[in-house]
Amino acid sequence: MTKEVLLSLRGLQFDAGSADGDKIETITPAEYYKRNDSHYVVFDEVMEGFQESTRNIIKFKDNSLDLTKKGLVNVHMIFEEKKKNMTNYATPYGNILIGIDAKSIKMTEEEERIEVSVDYALEVNYEHLANCKIRMDIRSRGGEGFSLQ
């Protein structure tokens, strides 16, 4: 895997009363590296209506994934399979207490591609908000097989 990668990040959120989910997908250039058996993906995110960006650092291995956001939004979210973690999510509009109860974390690794999927329940202020899925597809930039369809 090269240092320069393209990250496809898809999220799907099912609220308690709906069979259809809200889908979010973004494709962004990112930096990748591996250190001490952990994979890292780093990228900047810009929110509409704000000048300041947010630095995203995703660290993952086996059955865990950490997402750290620093900047306009600040949070350290920990996804550990079959474990609930609580954290404060600091936004420009105020802080939110969230809980992350990861049901499954799966990773497949090839020479020029890594796929990660996380299924989890999301709580806000100790109340179940939604069941969610995150799908990451990390590919070497300039590598074969990456298309924007």
Protein backbone atom coordinates (compact mmCIF):
# COMPACT_ATOMS: atom_id res chain seq x y z
CA MET A 1 0.00 0.00 0.00
CA THR A 2 1.33 3.43 -0.90
CA LYS A 3 1.35 6.47 1.38
CA GLU A 4 -1.00 8.38 -0.94
CA VAL A 5 -4.43 6.73 -1.02
CA LEU A 6 -8.03 7.40 -1.94
CA LEU A 7 -10.51 6.80 0.85
CA SER A 8 -14.11 5.94 0.10
CA LEU A 9 -16.09 6.35 3.31
CA ARG A 10 -19.73 5.27 3.35
CA GLY A 11 -22.09 5.54 6.27
CA LEU A 12 -25.59 4.20 6.67
CA GLN A 13 -27.83 5.05 9.59
CA PHE A 14 -31.13 3.34 10.42
CA ASP A 15 -33.28 5.11 12.99
CA ALA A 16 -35.62 3.13 15.24
CA GLY A 17 -38.77 3.71 13.19
CA SER A 18 -37.50 3.40 9.63
CA ALA A 19 -36.52 0.54 7.35
CA ASP A 20 -34.77 2.95 4.96
CA GLY A 21 -31.47 4.38 6.07
CA ASP A 22 -29.77 7.71 5.59
CA LYS A 23 -26.73 7.23 3.34
CA ILE A 24 -23.60 9.35 3.32
CA GLU A 25 -20.63 8.77 1.03
CA THR A 26 -17.44 10.71 0.55
CA ILE A 27 -14.30 10.03 -1.47
CA THR A 28 -11.22 11.96 -0.44
CA PRO A 29 -7.45 11.83 -0.83
CA ALA A 30 -5.74 10.63 2.33
CA GLU A 31 -2.42 9.48 3.71
CA TYR A 32 -1.90 5.88 4.83
CA TYR A 33 0.74 4.27 6.98
CA LYS A 34 1.18 1.20 9.16
CA ARG A 35 2.97 1.22 12.51
CA ASN A 36 3.15 -1.52 15.19
CA ASP A 37 0.47 -3.68 13.51
CA SER A 38 -1.97 -0.73 13.38
CA HIS A 39 -3.16 0.91 10.17
CA TYR A 40 -3.59 4.71 10.02
CA VAL A 41 -5.52 6.86 7.56
CA VAL A 42 -5.28 10.66 7.88
CA PHE A 43 -7.35 13.24 5.99
CA ASP A 44 -8.80 16.73 6.36
CA GLU A 45 -12.52 17.42 6.28
CA VAL A 46 -14.21 20.74 5.52
CA MET A 47 -17.72 21.47 6.78
CA GLU A 48 -20.01 23.61 4.67
CA GLY A 49 -20.34 27.14 6.05
CA PHE A 50 -17.10 27.05 8.06
CA GLN A 51 -13.56 28.07 7.15
CA GLU A 52 -11.78 25.86 9.68
CA SER A 53 -11.17 22.23 8.72
CA THR A 54 -11.10 19.11 10.88
CA ARG A 55 -8.17 16.67 10.86
CA ASN A 56 -9.36 13.04 10.91
CA ILE A 57 -7.10 10.25 12.11
CA ILE A 58 -8.44 6.71 11.77
CA LYS A 59 -6.48 3.95 13.47
CA PHE A 60 -7.58 0.35 13.06
CA LYS A 61 -6.47 -3.22 13.58
CA ASP A 62 -8.17 -6.60 14.06
CA ASN A 63 -11.35 -5.90 16.06
CA SER A 64 -10.99 -2.22 16.91
CA LEU A 65 -11.12 1.17 15.22
CA ASP A 66 -10.37 4.62 16.69
CA LEU A 67 -11.52 7.84 15.05
CA THR A 68 -10.00 11.10 16.28
CA LYS A 69 -11.23 14.44 14.96
CA LYS A 70 -9.35 17.65 15.80
CA GLY A 71 -10.27 21.15 14.68
CA LEU A 72 -13.76 22.51 14.15
CA VAL A 73 -15.12 19.26 15.60
CA ASN A 74 -13.28 17.42 18.38
CA VAL A 75 -13.92 13.83 19.40
CA HIS A 76 -12.14 10.54 20.07
CA MET A 77 -14.48 7.67 19.20
CA ILE A 78 -13.48 4.11 20.04
CA PHE A 79 -15.13 1.17 18.31
CA GLU A 80 -14.32 -2.15 20.00
CA GLU A 81 -16.17 -5.27 19.00
CA LYS A 82 -18.83 -6.29 21.53
CA LYS A 83 -18.04 -3.36 23.85
CA LYS A 84 -19.75 -0.01 24.49
CA ASN A 85 -17.65 3.17 24.72
CA MET A 86 -18.83 6.66 25.72
CA THR A 87 -17.32 9.96 24.58
CA ASN A 88 -18.04 13.68 24.30
CA TYR A 89 -18.51 14.99 20.78
CA ALA A 90 -17.56 18.70 20.71
CA THR A 91 -19.20 20.61 17.83
CA PRO A 92 -19.50 24.34 17.05
CA TYR A 93 -23.07 24.05 18.37
CA GLY A 94 -22.19 22.44 21.72
CA ASN A 95 -21.14 19.11 23.24
CA ILE A 96 -23.01 15.84 22.80
CA LEU A 97 -22.52 12.71 24.91
CA ILE A 98 -22.50 9.70 22.58
CA GLY A 99 -22.24 5.97 23.12
CA ILE A 100 -20.85 3.54 20.55
CA ASP A 101 -21.76 -0.14 20.91
CA ALA A 102 -19.84 -1.95 18.15
CA LYS A 103 -21.51 -5.19 17.06
CA SER A 104 -18.89 -6.23 14.50
CA ILE A 105 -15.67 -4.95 12.95
CA LYS A 106 -14.27 -6.67 9.87
CA MET A 107 -11.16 -5.94 7.86
CA THR A 108 -9.83 -7.44 4.64
CA GLU A 109 -6.35 -6.50 3.47
CA GLU A 110 -4.83 -6.90 0.03
CA GLU A 111 -1.60 -5.50 -1.37
CA GLU A 112 -3.13 -2.28 -2.76
CA ARG A 113 -6.50 -2.23 -0.97
CA ILE A 114 -7.98 -2.43 2.53
CA GLU A 115 -11.68 -2.70 3.31
CA VAL A 116 -13.10 -2.10 6.78
CA SER A 117 -16.70 -2.48 7.88
CA VAL A 118 -18.15 -1.54 11.27
CA ASP A 119 -21.70 -2.20 12.45
CA TYR A 120 -22.66 -0.38 15.64
CA ALA A 121 -25.48 1.07 17.71
CA LEU A 122 -25.32 4.82 18.37
CA GLU A 123 -26.62 6.38 21.59
CA VAL A 124 -27.04 10.07 22.40
CA ASN A 125 -27.36 11.03 26.08
CA TYR A 126 -27.84 7.33 27.02
CA GLU A 127 -30.74 6.81 24.59
CA HIS A 128 -30.55 4.61 21.50
CA LEU A 129 -30.58 6.82 18.41
CA ALA A 130 -29.78 4.52 15.48
CA ASN A 131 -28.12 1.39 14.18
CA CYS A 132 -25.25 2.41 11.91
CA LYS A 133 -22.76 0.99 9.43
CA ILE A 134 -19.44 2.41 8.29
CA ARG A 135 -17.68 1.06 5.20
CA MET A 136 -14.15 2.19 4.30
CA ASP A 137 -12.42 1.30 1.06
CA ILE A 138 -8.78 2.41 1.04
CA ARG A 139 -6.85 2.08 -2.23
CA SER A 140 -3.44 3.18 -3.41
CA ARG A 141 -3.74 6.29 -5.56
CA GLY A 142 -2.86 5.52 -9.13
CA GLY A 143 -3.50 1.84 -8.48
CA GLU A 144 -5.71 -0.26 -10.70
CA GLY A 145 -9.36 -0.88 -9.99
CA PHE A 146 -10.38 2.35 -8.31
CA SER A 147 -13.32 3.95 -10.03
CA LEU A 148 -15.70 6.73 -9.00
CA GLN A 149 -19.06 5.16 -9.89
